[in-house]
N, C-alpha and C. Protein backbone atom coordinates (compact mmCIF):
# COMPACT_ATOMS: atom_id res chain seq x y z
N MET A 1 -17.25 17.47 37.84
CA MET A 1 -16.44 16.97 36.91
C MET A 1 -15.63 18.09 36.23
N VAL A 2 -14.33 17.81 36.18
CA VAL A 2 -13.41 18.68 35.54
C VAL A 2 -13.07 18.24 34.23
N LEU A 3 -13.14 19.32 33.29
CA LEU A 3 -12.97 18.94 31.91
C LEU A 3 -11.50 19.45 31.65
N SER A 4 -10.72 18.48 30.91
CA SER A 4 -9.48 19.08 30.37
C SER A 4 -9.62 19.91 29.14
N SER A 5 -8.53 20.50 28.69
CA SER A 5 -8.45 21.36 27.50
C SER A 5 -8.88 20.52 26.33
N GLN A 6 -8.47 19.14 26.31
CA GLN A 6 -8.74 18.15 25.16
C GLN A 6 -10.36 18.02 25.12
N ASP A 7 -11.04 17.80 26.35
CA ASP A 7 -12.41 17.69 26.50
C ASP A 7 -13.22 18.92 25.85
N VAL A 8 -12.73 20.14 26.15
CA VAL A 8 -13.36 21.27 25.75
C VAL A 8 -13.25 21.54 24.40
N SER A 9 -12.06 21.36 23.72
CA SER A 9 -11.84 21.63 22.36
C SER A 9 -12.39 20.59 21.61
N ARG A 10 -12.37 19.30 22.01
CA ARG A 10 -12.79 18.11 21.26
C ARG A 10 -12.04 18.03 19.84
N LYS A 11 -10.96 18.51 19.71
CA LYS A 11 -10.10 18.51 18.55
C LYS A 11 -9.12 17.25 18.83
N LYS A 12 -9.14 16.40 17.94
CA LYS A 12 -8.11 15.35 17.95
C LYS A 12 -6.84 15.72 17.68
N ARG A 13 -5.90 15.23 18.46
CA ARG A 13 -4.46 15.65 18.13
C ARG A 13 -3.72 14.65 17.38
N ILE A 14 -3.04 15.11 16.33
CA ILE A 14 -2.36 14.35 15.36
C ILE A 14 -0.99 14.66 15.23
N LEU A 15 -0.05 13.85 15.22
CA LEU A 15 1.46 14.08 15.12
C LEU A 15 1.79 13.56 13.79
N VAL A 16 2.30 14.25 12.83
CA VAL A 16 2.79 13.92 11.51
C VAL A 16 4.32 13.73 11.55
N ILE A 17 4.74 12.52 11.30
CA ILE A 17 6.25 12.14 11.38
C ILE A 17 6.78 11.78 10.05
N THR A 18 7.82 12.55 9.65
CA THR A 18 8.29 12.44 8.31
C THR A 18 9.68 11.69 8.24
N GLY A 19 10.23 11.53 9.46
CA GLY A 19 11.56 10.98 9.53
C GLY A 19 12.55 12.03 9.37
N THR A 20 14.00 11.65 9.31
CA THR A 20 14.94 12.65 9.25
C THR A 20 15.05 13.33 7.88
N THR A 21 14.70 12.58 6.81
CA THR A 21 14.86 13.07 5.52
C THR A 21 13.96 14.04 5.07
N GLY A 22 12.73 14.14 5.84
CA GLY A 22 11.69 15.07 5.29
C GLY A 22 10.87 14.49 4.42
N PHE A 23 9.63 15.10 4.12
CA PHE A 23 8.66 14.66 3.18
C PHE A 23 7.74 15.83 2.85
N ASP A 24 8.38 16.80 2.07
CA ASP A 24 7.75 18.07 1.83
C ASP A 24 6.40 18.09 1.15
N SER A 25 5.99 17.04 0.37
CA SER A 25 4.70 17.04 -0.34
C SER A 25 3.69 16.78 0.70
N LEU A 26 4.05 15.98 1.80
CA LEU A 26 3.16 15.58 2.74
C LEU A 26 2.89 16.72 3.67
N VAL A 27 4.02 17.29 4.06
CA VAL A 27 3.81 18.36 5.01
C VAL A 27 3.10 19.54 4.40
N ARG A 28 3.45 19.88 3.20
CA ARG A 28 2.86 21.04 2.55
C ARG A 28 1.36 20.87 2.39
N ASN A 29 0.99 19.53 1.99
CA ASN A 29 -0.60 19.36 1.70
C ASN A 29 -1.34 19.58 3.15
N ILE A 30 -0.68 19.09 4.18
CA ILE A 30 -1.56 19.05 5.46
C ILE A 30 -1.37 20.46 5.90
N ASP A 31 -0.20 21.18 5.92
CA ASP A 31 -0.15 22.57 6.30
C ASP A 31 -1.10 23.49 5.59
N GLU A 32 -1.19 23.42 4.15
CA GLU A 32 -1.96 24.30 3.48
C GLU A 32 -3.49 24.13 3.56
N ASP A 33 -3.92 22.99 4.14
CA ASP A 33 -5.35 22.70 4.20
C ASP A 33 -5.93 23.21 5.42
N ARG A 34 -6.32 24.48 5.42
CA ARG A 34 -6.78 25.12 6.61
C ARG A 34 -8.03 24.59 7.22
N SER A 35 -8.86 23.89 6.43
CA SER A 35 -10.07 23.35 6.96
C SER A 35 -9.89 22.30 8.07
N LEU A 36 -8.69 21.64 7.98
CA LEU A 36 -8.29 20.60 8.99
C LEU A 36 -8.32 21.18 10.45
N GLU A 37 -7.96 22.42 10.53
CA GLU A 37 -7.88 23.05 11.84
C GLU A 37 -9.01 23.24 12.63
N GLN A 38 -10.12 22.89 11.93
CA GLN A 38 -11.59 23.00 12.60
C GLN A 38 -11.70 21.87 13.47
N ASP A 39 -11.13 20.59 13.17
CA ASP A 39 -11.37 19.44 13.97
C ASP A 39 -10.12 18.77 14.48
N PHE A 40 -9.04 19.32 14.08
CA PHE A 40 -7.74 18.66 14.58
C PHE A 40 -6.62 19.69 15.02
N ASP A 41 -5.89 19.24 15.83
CA ASP A 41 -4.71 19.91 16.35
C ASP A 41 -3.61 19.12 15.74
N ILE A 42 -2.89 19.56 14.73
CA ILE A 42 -1.79 18.88 13.93
C ILE A 42 -0.48 19.45 14.20
N VAL A 43 0.46 18.66 14.58
CA VAL A 43 1.84 19.12 14.78
C VAL A 43 2.59 18.28 13.69
N LEU A 44 3.57 19.11 12.94
CA LEU A 44 4.19 18.50 11.89
C LEU A 44 5.67 18.41 12.09
N GLN A 45 6.19 17.26 11.90
CA GLN A 45 7.89 16.99 11.70
C GLN A 45 8.09 17.31 10.33
N THR A 46 9.13 18.14 10.21
CA THR A 46 9.58 18.44 8.70
C THR A 46 10.92 17.78 8.47
N GLY A 47 11.68 17.20 9.46
CA GLY A 47 12.97 16.54 9.12
C GLY A 47 13.79 17.51 8.32
N ASP A 48 14.53 17.03 7.48
CA ASP A 48 15.37 17.96 6.53
C ASP A 48 14.79 18.48 5.29
N GLY A 49 13.52 18.44 5.40
CA GLY A 49 12.72 19.08 4.16
C GLY A 49 12.95 20.33 4.03
N SER A 50 12.65 20.95 2.94
CA SER A 50 12.88 22.47 2.56
C SER A 50 11.56 23.30 2.85
N TYR A 51 10.38 22.49 2.84
CA TYR A 51 9.18 23.33 3.09
C TYR A 51 9.09 23.66 4.60
N ILE A 52 8.82 24.89 4.84
CA ILE A 52 8.65 25.42 6.14
C ILE A 52 7.10 25.67 6.32
N PRO A 53 6.40 24.99 7.26
CA PRO A 53 5.11 25.17 7.57
C PRO A 53 4.74 26.62 7.91
N LYS A 54 3.53 27.13 7.49
CA LYS A 54 3.02 28.69 7.65
C LYS A 54 1.98 28.51 8.77
N TYR A 55 1.22 27.47 8.61
CA TYR A 55 -0.09 27.40 9.45
C TYR A 55 -0.20 26.59 10.64
N LYS A 56 0.69 25.55 10.80
CA LYS A 56 0.68 24.47 11.87
C LYS A 56 2.02 24.49 12.44
N PRO A 57 1.99 24.20 13.70
CA PRO A 57 3.16 24.02 14.48
C PRO A 57 4.07 22.90 13.95
N SER A 58 5.28 23.16 13.96
CA SER A 58 6.38 22.18 13.39
C SER A 58 7.67 22.15 14.04
N PHE A 59 8.28 21.13 13.81
CA PHE A 59 9.70 21.05 14.32
C PHE A 59 10.49 20.09 13.42
N LYS A 60 11.80 20.24 13.32
CA LYS A 60 12.61 19.49 12.42
C LYS A 60 12.70 18.03 12.86
N PHE A 61 13.31 17.87 14.02
CA PHE A 61 13.57 16.55 14.58
C PHE A 61 13.68 16.52 16.06
N ASP A 62 13.23 15.53 16.78
CA ASP A 62 13.38 15.57 18.20
C ASP A 62 13.63 14.04 18.60
N LYS A 63 14.77 13.80 19.06
CA LYS A 63 15.25 12.66 19.62
C LYS A 63 14.29 11.93 20.52
N MET A 64 13.51 12.75 21.35
CA MET A 64 12.69 12.20 22.34
C MET A 64 11.14 12.01 21.75
N ILE A 65 10.98 12.20 20.45
CA ILE A 65 9.59 12.05 19.90
C ILE A 65 8.89 10.90 20.44
N MET A 66 9.52 9.83 20.37
CA MET A 66 8.72 8.51 20.85
C MET A 66 8.35 8.56 22.24
N ASN A 67 8.83 9.53 23.18
CA ASN A 67 8.44 9.58 24.47
C ASN A 67 7.11 10.44 24.55
N THR A 68 6.63 11.00 23.41
CA THR A 68 5.45 11.85 23.54
C THR A 68 4.20 11.31 22.91
N LEU A 69 4.22 9.95 22.68
CA LEU A 69 3.18 9.21 22.10
C LEU A 69 1.79 9.32 22.74
N GLN A 70 1.92 9.46 24.07
CA GLN A 70 0.60 9.60 24.79
C GLN A 70 -0.11 10.89 24.57
N ASP A 71 0.63 11.84 24.03
CA ASP A 71 -0.10 13.25 23.97
C ASP A 71 -0.86 13.29 22.44
N TYR A 72 -0.91 12.26 21.78
CA TYR A 72 -1.61 12.28 20.51
C TYR A 72 -2.50 11.21 20.24
N ASP A 73 -3.68 11.55 19.63
CA ASP A 73 -4.68 10.51 19.33
C ASP A 73 -4.48 9.62 18.14
N PHE A 74 -3.78 10.29 17.11
CA PHE A 74 -3.46 9.76 15.89
C PHE A 74 -2.11 9.92 15.39
N PHE A 75 -1.48 9.11 14.48
CA PHE A 75 -0.26 9.55 13.96
C PHE A 75 -0.25 9.31 12.37
N ILE A 76 0.25 10.22 11.69
CA ILE A 76 0.44 10.14 10.28
C ILE A 76 1.87 10.02 10.13
N THR A 77 2.36 9.00 9.37
CA THR A 77 3.80 8.86 9.30
C THR A 77 4.22 8.36 7.81
N HIS A 78 5.41 8.77 7.48
CA HIS A 78 6.10 8.12 6.28
C HIS A 78 6.26 6.51 6.49
N ALA A 79 6.40 5.93 5.62
CA ALA A 79 6.54 4.44 5.60
C ALA A 79 7.91 3.92 6.03
N GLY A 80 8.55 4.61 6.92
CA GLY A 80 9.86 4.19 7.42
C GLY A 80 9.44 2.94 8.38
N ALA A 81 10.24 1.93 8.22
CA ALA A 81 9.91 0.58 8.97
C ALA A 81 10.20 0.87 10.59
N GLY A 82 11.17 1.54 10.83
CA GLY A 82 11.32 1.76 12.31
C GLY A 82 10.16 2.54 12.92
N THR A 83 9.81 3.68 12.23
CA THR A 83 8.71 4.33 12.91
C THR A 83 7.41 3.68 12.83
N VAL A 84 7.08 2.95 11.78
CA VAL A 84 5.72 2.18 11.55
C VAL A 84 5.68 1.22 12.56
N TYR A 85 6.78 0.36 12.80
CA TYR A 85 6.64 -0.73 13.75
C TYR A 85 6.82 -0.20 15.06
N HIS A 86 7.48 0.72 15.50
CA HIS A 86 7.42 1.39 16.79
C HIS A 86 6.02 1.72 17.23
N LEU A 87 5.43 2.48 16.32
CA LEU A 87 3.97 2.87 16.61
C LEU A 87 3.10 1.75 16.76
N LEU A 88 3.25 0.80 15.78
CA LEU A 88 2.33 -0.47 15.87
C LEU A 88 2.54 -1.18 17.29
N GLU A 89 3.85 -1.31 17.65
CA GLU A 89 4.19 -2.13 18.88
C GLU A 89 3.61 -1.35 20.05
N ASN A 90 3.29 -0.13 19.96
CA ASN A 90 2.72 0.68 21.09
C ASN A 90 1.20 0.93 20.83
N GLN A 91 0.63 0.09 19.95
CA GLN A 91 -0.74 0.12 19.74
C GLN A 91 -1.34 1.40 19.44
N LYS A 92 -0.61 2.15 18.57
CA LYS A 92 -1.16 3.42 18.22
C LYS A 92 -1.98 3.36 16.82
N ARG A 93 -2.89 4.35 16.74
CA ARG A 93 -3.62 4.33 15.49
C ARG A 93 -2.86 5.27 14.45
N LEU A 94 -2.59 4.57 13.36
CA LEU A 94 -1.80 5.34 12.50
C LEU A 94 -2.34 5.17 11.09
N LEU A 95 -1.92 6.36 10.25
CA LEU A 95 -2.12 6.38 8.93
C LEU A 95 -0.67 6.51 8.28
N VAL A 96 -0.47 5.52 7.39
CA VAL A 96 0.88 5.58 6.72
C VAL A 96 0.72 6.27 5.32
N VAL A 97 1.63 7.07 5.02
CA VAL A 97 1.82 7.60 3.65
C VAL A 97 3.16 7.38 3.16
N PRO A 98 3.19 6.39 2.06
CA PRO A 98 4.70 6.14 1.60
C PRO A 98 5.30 7.31 0.91
N ASN A 99 6.58 7.75 1.28
CA ASN A 99 7.17 8.72 0.51
C ASN A 99 7.61 8.40 -0.92
N THR A 100 6.74 8.55 -1.90
CA THR A 100 7.24 8.41 -3.35
C THR A 100 8.05 9.36 -3.90
N ASP A 101 8.40 10.40 -3.05
CA ASP A 101 9.40 11.37 -3.55
C ASP A 101 10.78 10.80 -3.58
N ARG A 102 10.96 9.67 -2.67
CA ARG A 102 12.30 9.22 -2.65
C ARG A 102 12.64 8.22 -3.91
N ALA A 103 13.85 8.22 -4.13
CA ALA A 103 14.34 7.40 -5.35
C ALA A 103 13.88 5.91 -5.31
N ASP A 104 14.15 5.36 -4.00
CA ASP A 104 13.84 3.90 -3.97
C ASP A 104 12.50 3.68 -3.52
N LYS A 105 11.77 2.49 -3.69
CA LYS A 105 10.30 2.47 -3.52
C LYS A 105 10.14 1.44 -2.38
N HIS A 106 11.01 1.31 -1.38
CA HIS A 106 10.84 0.43 -0.24
C HIS A 106 9.69 0.93 0.66
N GLN A 107 9.34 2.16 0.67
CA GLN A 107 8.24 2.60 1.47
C GLN A 107 6.85 2.18 0.97
N VAL A 108 6.67 2.07 -0.43
CA VAL A 108 5.56 1.68 -1.01
C VAL A 108 5.49 0.08 -0.60
N GLU A 109 6.41 -0.58 -0.68
CA GLU A 109 6.34 -2.09 -0.35
C GLU A 109 5.92 -2.25 1.10
N LEU A 110 6.52 -1.50 1.97
CA LEU A 110 6.12 -1.69 3.42
C LEU A 110 4.59 -1.27 3.64
N ALA A 111 4.33 -0.24 2.90
CA ALA A 111 2.83 0.34 3.10
C ALA A 111 1.88 -0.72 2.57
N GLN A 112 2.30 -1.35 1.55
CA GLN A 112 1.40 -2.47 0.92
C GLN A 112 1.29 -3.53 1.84
N HIS A 113 2.47 -3.97 2.55
CA HIS A 113 2.35 -5.01 3.48
C HIS A 113 1.43 -4.79 4.77
N VAL A 114 1.72 -3.54 5.39
CA VAL A 114 0.91 -3.29 6.55
C VAL A 114 -0.60 -3.16 6.31
N ASN A 115 -0.85 -2.57 5.02
CA ASN A 115 -2.17 -2.41 4.55
C ASN A 115 -2.92 -3.83 4.36
N SER A 116 -2.11 -4.71 3.71
CA SER A 116 -2.69 -6.11 3.47
C SER A 116 -2.89 -6.85 4.78
N GLN A 117 -2.06 -6.46 5.77
CA GLN A 117 -2.27 -7.12 7.08
C GLN A 117 -3.40 -6.44 7.93
N GLN A 118 -3.93 -5.23 7.43
CA GLN A 118 -4.88 -4.47 8.03
C GLN A 118 -4.47 -3.98 9.57
N LEU A 119 -3.06 -3.52 9.48
CA LEU A 119 -2.63 -3.07 10.71
C LEU A 119 -2.65 -1.60 10.82
N CYS A 120 -2.86 -0.90 9.72
CA CYS A 120 -2.93 0.50 9.64
C CYS A 120 -3.64 0.84 8.41
N SER A 121 -4.08 2.12 8.39
CA SER A 121 -4.59 2.66 7.23
C SER A 121 -3.57 3.26 6.29
N VAL A 122 -3.67 3.25 5.02
CA VAL A 122 -2.68 3.68 4.10
C VAL A 122 -3.23 4.78 3.12
N CYS A 123 -2.62 5.80 3.01
CA CYS A 123 -2.98 6.73 1.96
C CYS A 123 -1.78 6.68 0.87
N PHE A 124 -2.04 6.11 -0.17
CA PHE A 124 -0.94 5.92 -1.27
C PHE A 124 -0.76 7.10 -2.14
N HIS A 125 -1.50 8.14 -2.20
CA HIS A 125 -1.50 9.29 -2.89
C HIS A 125 -1.59 10.52 -1.84
N VAL A 126 -0.39 11.24 -1.72
CA VAL A 126 -0.32 12.29 -0.90
C VAL A 126 -1.34 13.38 -1.16
N GLN A 127 -1.91 13.42 -2.42
CA GLN A 127 -2.71 14.56 -2.71
C GLN A 127 -4.05 14.32 -2.15
N GLU A 128 -4.34 13.07 -1.62
CA GLU A 128 -5.58 12.65 -0.92
C GLU A 128 -5.62 12.71 0.56
N ILE A 129 -4.45 13.21 1.00
CA ILE A 129 -4.26 13.07 2.54
C ILE A 129 -5.29 13.85 3.17
N SER A 130 -5.83 14.98 2.92
CA SER A 130 -6.81 15.78 3.59
C SER A 130 -8.14 14.90 3.74
N SER A 131 -8.46 14.30 2.78
CA SER A 131 -9.70 13.39 2.93
C SER A 131 -9.49 12.28 3.79
N PHE A 132 -8.36 11.68 3.86
CA PHE A 132 -7.94 10.61 4.84
C PHE A 132 -7.93 11.19 6.31
N ILE A 133 -7.42 12.29 6.32
CA ILE A 133 -7.28 13.04 7.88
C ILE A 133 -8.75 13.23 8.12
N LYS A 134 -9.67 13.75 7.45
CA LYS A 134 -11.00 14.08 7.86
C LYS A 134 -11.82 12.79 8.18
N ASN A 135 -11.32 11.57 7.80
CA ASN A 135 -11.99 10.34 8.12
C ASN A 135 -11.12 9.41 8.83
N ILE A 136 -10.09 9.91 9.57
CA ILE A 136 -9.10 9.21 10.31
C ILE A 136 -9.65 8.31 11.30
N GLU A 137 -10.77 8.83 11.96
CA GLU A 137 -11.43 8.03 13.17
C GLU A 137 -12.03 6.79 12.60
N TYR A 138 -12.70 6.90 11.52
CA TYR A 138 -13.21 5.81 10.79
C TYR A 138 -12.21 4.82 10.16
N LYS A 139 -11.22 5.44 9.54
CA LYS A 139 -10.14 4.63 8.74
C LYS A 139 -9.32 3.85 9.79
N THR A 140 -9.22 4.27 11.04
CA THR A 140 -8.42 3.61 11.92
C THR A 140 -8.95 2.74 13.07
N GLN A 141 -10.33 2.60 13.05
CA GLN A 141 -11.11 2.06 14.06
C GLN A 141 -11.15 0.52 14.12
N HIS A 142 -11.03 0.08 12.99
CA HIS A 142 -11.10 -1.48 12.70
C HIS A 142 -9.88 -2.11 12.30
N LEU A 143 -8.86 -1.61 12.73
CA LEU A 143 -7.48 -2.30 12.48
C LEU A 143 -7.18 -3.45 13.33
N LYS A 144 -6.26 -4.32 13.04
CA LYS A 144 -5.87 -5.34 13.78
C LYS A 144 -4.71 -4.99 14.67
N SER A 145 -4.56 -5.69 15.79
CA SER A 145 -3.56 -5.32 16.61
C SER A 145 -2.37 -5.89 16.27
N TYR A 146 -1.25 -5.36 16.40
CA TYR A 146 0.01 -5.86 16.03
C TYR A 146 0.77 -6.63 17.02
N ASN A 147 1.07 -7.87 16.90
CA ASN A 147 1.74 -8.65 17.90
C ASN A 147 3.03 -8.83 17.47
N LYS A 148 4.13 -8.32 18.10
CA LYS A 148 5.42 -8.46 17.78
C LYS A 148 5.79 -9.89 17.92
N MET A 149 6.61 -10.43 16.91
CA MET A 149 7.04 -11.70 17.01
C MET A 149 8.62 -11.51 17.18
N GLU A 150 9.16 -12.21 18.32
CA GLU A 150 10.45 -12.39 18.47
C GLU A 150 11.09 -13.33 17.49
N PHE A 151 12.24 -12.88 17.04
CA PHE A 151 12.87 -13.65 15.99
C PHE A 151 14.36 -13.92 16.52
N ASN A 152 14.71 -15.22 16.75
CA ASN A 152 16.00 -15.52 17.25
C ASN A 152 16.66 -16.56 16.25
N ALA A 153 17.01 -16.23 15.16
CA ALA A 153 17.61 -17.24 14.05
C ALA A 153 18.61 -18.01 14.66
N ALA A 154 19.59 -17.61 15.46
CA ALA A 154 20.65 -18.37 15.96
C ALA A 154 20.09 -19.45 16.91
N GLN A 155 19.23 -19.24 17.77
CA GLN A 155 18.58 -20.22 18.50
C GLN A 155 17.78 -21.31 17.76
N ASN A 156 17.09 -20.83 16.78
CA ASN A 156 16.31 -21.84 15.99
C ASN A 156 17.19 -22.74 15.19
N ILE A 157 18.28 -22.24 14.70
CA ILE A 157 19.32 -23.01 14.07
C ILE A 157 19.88 -24.10 14.96
N LEU A 158 20.21 -23.62 16.17
CA LEU A 158 20.80 -24.57 17.11
C LEU A 158 19.91 -25.69 17.57
N ASN A 159 18.62 -25.23 17.74
CA ASN A 159 17.68 -26.28 18.05
C ASN A 159 17.46 -27.35 17.10
N TYR A 160 17.51 -26.82 15.73
CA TYR A 160 17.28 -27.69 14.60
C TYR A 160 18.57 -28.65 14.50
N ILE A 161 19.70 -28.23 14.81
CA ILE A 161 21.01 -29.03 14.58
C ILE A 161 20.89 -30.01 15.67
N TYR A 162 20.63 -29.77 17.01
CA TYR A 162 20.79 -30.61 18.04
C TYR A 162 19.54 -31.42 18.38
N GLU A 163 18.38 -31.21 17.58
CA GLU A 163 17.24 -32.13 17.75
C GLU A 163 17.25 -33.37 16.90
């Protein structure tokens, strides 16, 4: 039997996705918690944030990021609708952290929705992220699968009119 490097290290791989605008408080909290390195290989996307990670690998933005999903066991993401739903459509285990540093609060609303639907785990307070990561296996194991619903309003209206 041949063991891969993943089998040997037994570390779970996590990709943190902040979106293009960045999410400094999330990146900083994860980067500065050195105890996470014991059990996890974490890669941080920083977007246009100003915090530069010192302890974990990072990158600003990668247009091809969604092509690397198979390389990770878990995903931690801001509550951007495009990112959250793309990951859910691909049946990925994710932890959502709404970016409350933003002026608008739409990320909190989306996080509340996916949490109420049991589609992903949500950490509403970025200061608690380390605890959530340490328990990510448990927090994401009993989630419901997301089934994308196609929406064709024009066809629905036409059917209604002509029926």
